[in-house]
Amino acid sequence: GGKAKLGSIGRHVKQVMLRSQLISGAMAVVSALSKRLPKTTKEVWLKQLIERRGKRCAAVALANKTIRTAF
C-alpha cells in the first residue's frame, strides 16, 4: 500500500518520441501564454515560472506536470 513510483522521461530513458512530443507541446503552450494574460491558476504558475527560470525550463516543467497528471 505505498506510493507508486512514477519514473522519469529523461534523456536516458528510451522514450524519445514521447519526450519530444511532450516538450514541443509544452513549448507551444509557453509561447502562446507569453503573448496573453493567464486565465487559470496553472497558467499563473507557468507565467511566474517563465519569469523566474526562462521559457525552456518552464516548458520542461510543464511537460513533467502533464505526464504526472496523465499518470
N, C-alpha and C. Protein backbone atom coordinates (compact mmCIF):
# COMPACT_ATOMS: atom_id res chain seq x y z
N GLY A 1 0.76 -1.19 0.00
CA GLY A 1 0.00 0.00 0.00
C GLY A 1 0.80 1.27 0.00
N GLY A 2 1.99 1.30 -0.61
CA GLY A 2 2.78 2.53 -0.64
C GLY A 2 2.47 3.37 -1.86
N LYS A 3 3.28 4.39 -2.05
CA LYS A 3 3.11 5.27 -3.21
C LYS A 3 3.66 4.60 -4.47
N ALA A 4 3.02 4.88 -5.59
CA ALA A 4 3.51 4.35 -6.86
C ALA A 4 4.69 5.20 -7.32
N LYS A 5 5.76 4.55 -7.76
CA LYS A 5 6.92 5.28 -8.26
C LYS A 5 6.69 5.59 -9.73
N LEU A 6 6.76 6.89 -10.09
CA LEU A 6 6.40 7.30 -11.43
C LEU A 6 7.49 7.05 -12.46
N GLY A 7 8.71 7.23 -12.13
CA GLY A 7 9.75 7.08 -13.13
C GLY A 7 9.99 8.36 -13.89
N SER A 8 10.88 8.33 -14.83
CA SER A 8 11.33 9.53 -15.50
C SER A 8 11.10 9.44 -17.00
N ILE A 9 11.01 10.61 -17.65
CA ILE A 9 11.01 10.64 -19.11
C ILE A 9 12.28 11.33 -19.58
N GLY A 10 13.33 11.20 -18.79
CA GLY A 10 14.59 11.88 -19.05
C GLY A 10 15.30 11.37 -20.28
N ARG A 11 16.50 11.89 -20.50
CA ARG A 11 17.27 11.55 -21.71
C ARG A 11 17.71 10.10 -21.73
N HIS A 12 17.92 9.51 -20.57
CA HIS A 12 18.47 8.16 -20.52
C HIS A 12 17.40 7.08 -20.70
N VAL A 13 16.15 7.45 -20.54
CA VAL A 13 15.05 6.51 -20.79
C VAL A 13 14.77 6.55 -22.29
N LYS A 14 14.55 5.40 -22.89
CA LYS A 14 14.41 5.33 -24.34
C LYS A 14 12.99 5.61 -24.81
N GLN A 15 12.44 6.72 -24.38
CA GLN A 15 11.13 7.15 -24.84
C GLN A 15 11.29 8.51 -25.52
N VAL A 16 12.09 8.53 -26.55
CA VAL A 16 12.48 9.77 -27.20
C VAL A 16 11.28 10.46 -27.85
N MET A 17 10.44 9.70 -28.52
CA MET A 17 9.29 10.31 -29.21
C MET A 17 8.30 10.92 -28.22
N LEU A 18 8.02 10.21 -27.15
CA LEU A 18 7.09 10.72 -26.13
C LEU A 18 7.64 11.99 -25.50
N ARG A 19 8.92 11.96 -25.16
CA ARG A 19 9.55 13.13 -24.52
C ARG A 19 9.54 14.32 -25.46
N SER A 20 9.87 14.12 -26.72
CA SER A 20 9.92 15.24 -27.66
C SER A 20 8.54 15.80 -27.94
N GLN A 21 7.53 14.94 -28.02
CA GLN A 21 6.17 15.42 -28.24
C GLN A 21 5.66 16.22 -27.05
N LEU A 22 5.94 15.76 -25.85
CA LEU A 22 5.51 16.48 -24.66
C LEU A 22 6.18 17.85 -24.56
N ILE A 23 7.46 17.89 -24.84
CA ILE A 23 8.19 19.16 -24.71
C ILE A 23 7.80 20.12 -25.82
N SER A 24 7.58 19.62 -27.03
CA SER A 24 7.17 20.52 -28.11
C SER A 24 5.76 21.07 -27.87
N GLY A 25 4.88 20.26 -27.32
CA GLY A 25 3.56 20.74 -26.95
C GLY A 25 3.61 21.76 -25.84
N ALA A 26 4.49 21.53 -24.87
CA ALA A 26 4.65 22.48 -23.77
C ALA A 26 5.26 23.79 -24.27
N MET A 27 6.16 23.72 -25.24
CA MET A 27 6.74 24.94 -25.81
C MET A 27 5.67 25.75 -26.53
N ALA A 28 4.72 25.09 -27.17
CA ALA A 28 3.62 25.79 -27.83
C ALA A 28 2.76 26.52 -26.81
N VAL A 29 2.49 25.87 -25.69
CA VAL A 29 1.69 26.50 -24.63
C VAL A 29 2.44 27.68 -24.02
N VAL A 30 3.74 27.51 -23.80
CA VAL A 30 4.55 28.58 -23.21
C VAL A 30 4.60 29.78 -24.14
N SER A 31 4.79 29.56 -25.42
CA SER A 31 4.87 30.69 -26.35
C SER A 31 3.53 31.39 -26.50
N ALA A 32 2.44 30.63 -26.44
CA ALA A 32 1.11 31.26 -26.51
C ALA A 32 0.81 32.04 -25.24
N LEU A 33 1.25 31.53 -24.11
CA LEU A 33 0.99 32.19 -22.83
C LEU A 33 1.81 33.46 -22.68
N SER A 34 2.96 33.52 -23.31
CA SER A 34 3.78 34.72 -23.19
C SER A 34 3.17 35.92 -23.91
N LYS A 35 2.20 35.67 -24.80
CA LYS A 35 1.57 36.75 -25.56
C LYS A 35 0.24 37.21 -24.98
N ARG A 36 -0.25 36.52 -23.93
CA ARG A 36 -1.56 36.90 -23.36
C ARG A 36 -1.51 36.77 -21.85
N LEU A 37 -2.60 37.17 -21.22
CA LEU A 37 -2.71 37.09 -19.76
C LEU A 37 -3.14 35.69 -19.34
N PRO A 38 -2.67 35.22 -18.18
CA PRO A 38 -3.08 33.90 -17.70
C PRO A 38 -4.53 33.91 -17.24
N LYS A 39 -5.21 32.77 -17.45
CA LYS A 39 -6.63 32.65 -17.10
C LYS A 39 -6.86 31.71 -15.92
N THR A 40 -6.08 30.65 -15.82
CA THR A 40 -6.26 29.66 -14.75
C THR A 40 -5.10 29.74 -13.76
N THR A 41 -5.23 29.02 -12.67
CA THR A 41 -4.15 29.01 -11.68
C THR A 41 -2.91 28.31 -12.22
N LYS A 42 -3.10 27.31 -13.07
CA LYS A 42 -1.96 26.63 -13.69
C LYS A 42 -1.21 27.58 -14.61
N GLU A 43 -1.94 28.42 -15.33
CA GLU A 43 -1.30 29.39 -16.22
C GLU A 43 -0.59 30.48 -15.42
N VAL A 44 -1.14 30.86 -14.28
CA VAL A 44 -0.47 31.84 -13.41
C VAL A 44 0.84 31.25 -12.92
N TRP A 45 0.82 29.97 -12.50
CA TRP A 45 2.03 29.30 -12.07
C TRP A 45 3.06 29.26 -13.19
N LEU A 46 2.61 28.94 -14.38
CA LEU A 46 3.51 28.83 -15.52
C LEU A 46 4.10 30.19 -15.89
N LYS A 47 3.30 31.23 -15.84
CA LYS A 47 3.78 32.58 -16.17
C LYS A 47 4.85 33.02 -15.17
N GLN A 48 4.65 32.75 -13.89
CA GLN A 48 5.65 33.08 -12.88
C GLN A 48 6.92 32.27 -13.07
N LEU A 49 6.76 31.01 -13.47
CA LEU A 49 7.92 30.16 -13.71
C LEU A 49 8.72 30.64 -14.92
N ILE A 50 8.03 31.12 -15.95
CA ILE A 50 8.72 31.66 -17.12
C ILE A 50 9.55 32.87 -16.73
N GLU A 51 9.00 33.73 -15.88
CA GLU A 51 9.73 34.92 -15.45
C GLU A 51 10.94 34.56 -14.60
N ARG A 52 10.82 33.50 -13.77
CA ARG A 52 11.92 33.12 -12.90
C ARG A 52 13.00 32.33 -13.62
N ARG A 53 12.60 31.35 -14.45
CA ARG A 53 13.55 30.39 -14.98
C ARG A 53 13.79 30.45 -16.48
N GLY A 54 12.86 31.00 -17.23
CA GLY A 54 13.00 31.04 -18.68
C GLY A 54 12.03 30.10 -19.36
N LYS A 55 11.93 30.26 -20.68
CA LYS A 55 10.92 29.52 -21.43
C LYS A 55 11.22 28.03 -21.54
N ARG A 56 12.47 27.67 -21.79
CA ARG A 56 12.81 26.25 -21.97
C ARG A 56 12.59 25.45 -20.68
N CYS A 57 13.05 26.00 -19.58
CA CYS A 57 12.91 25.31 -18.29
C CYS A 57 11.44 25.19 -17.91
N ALA A 58 10.67 26.23 -18.19
CA ALA A 58 9.24 26.20 -17.90
C ALA A 58 8.53 25.15 -18.77
N ALA A 59 8.97 25.00 -20.00
CA ALA A 59 8.37 24.00 -20.89
C ALA A 59 8.64 22.59 -20.39
N VAL A 60 9.84 22.33 -19.92
CA VAL A 60 10.17 21.01 -19.39
C VAL A 60 9.37 20.74 -18.11
N ALA A 61 9.22 21.76 -17.27
CA ALA A 61 8.42 21.61 -16.05
C ALA A 61 6.96 21.34 -16.38
N LEU A 62 6.45 22.02 -17.39
CA LEU A 62 5.06 21.79 -17.80
C LEU A 62 4.88 20.39 -18.39
N ALA A 63 5.85 19.92 -19.15
CA ALA A 63 5.78 18.56 -19.69
C ALA A 63 5.80 17.53 -18.56
N ASN A 64 6.62 17.77 -17.55
CA ASN A 64 6.67 16.88 -16.39
C ASN A 64 5.34 16.90 -15.64
N LYS A 65 4.77 18.07 -15.48
CA LYS A 65 3.47 18.19 -14.78
C LYS A 65 2.37 17.50 -15.59
N THR A 66 2.44 17.61 -16.90
CA THR A 66 1.44 16.97 -17.76
C THR A 66 1.50 15.46 -17.67
N ILE A 67 2.70 14.90 -17.69
CA ILE A 67 2.82 13.44 -17.65
C ILE A 67 2.44 12.91 -16.27
N ARG A 68 2.68 13.67 -15.22
CA ARG A 68 2.26 13.25 -13.89
C ARG A 68 0.73 13.31 -13.75
N THR A 69 0.11 14.30 -14.39
CA THR A 69 -1.34 14.39 -14.39
C THR A 69 -1.94 13.22 -15.18
N ALA A 70 -1.32 12.88 -16.30
CA ALA A 70 -1.81 11.77 -17.13
C ALA A 70 -1.66 10.43 -16.42
N PHE A 71 -0.64 10.30 -15.60
CA PHE A 71 -0.42 9.05 -14.89
C PHE A 71 -1.51 8.84 -13.86
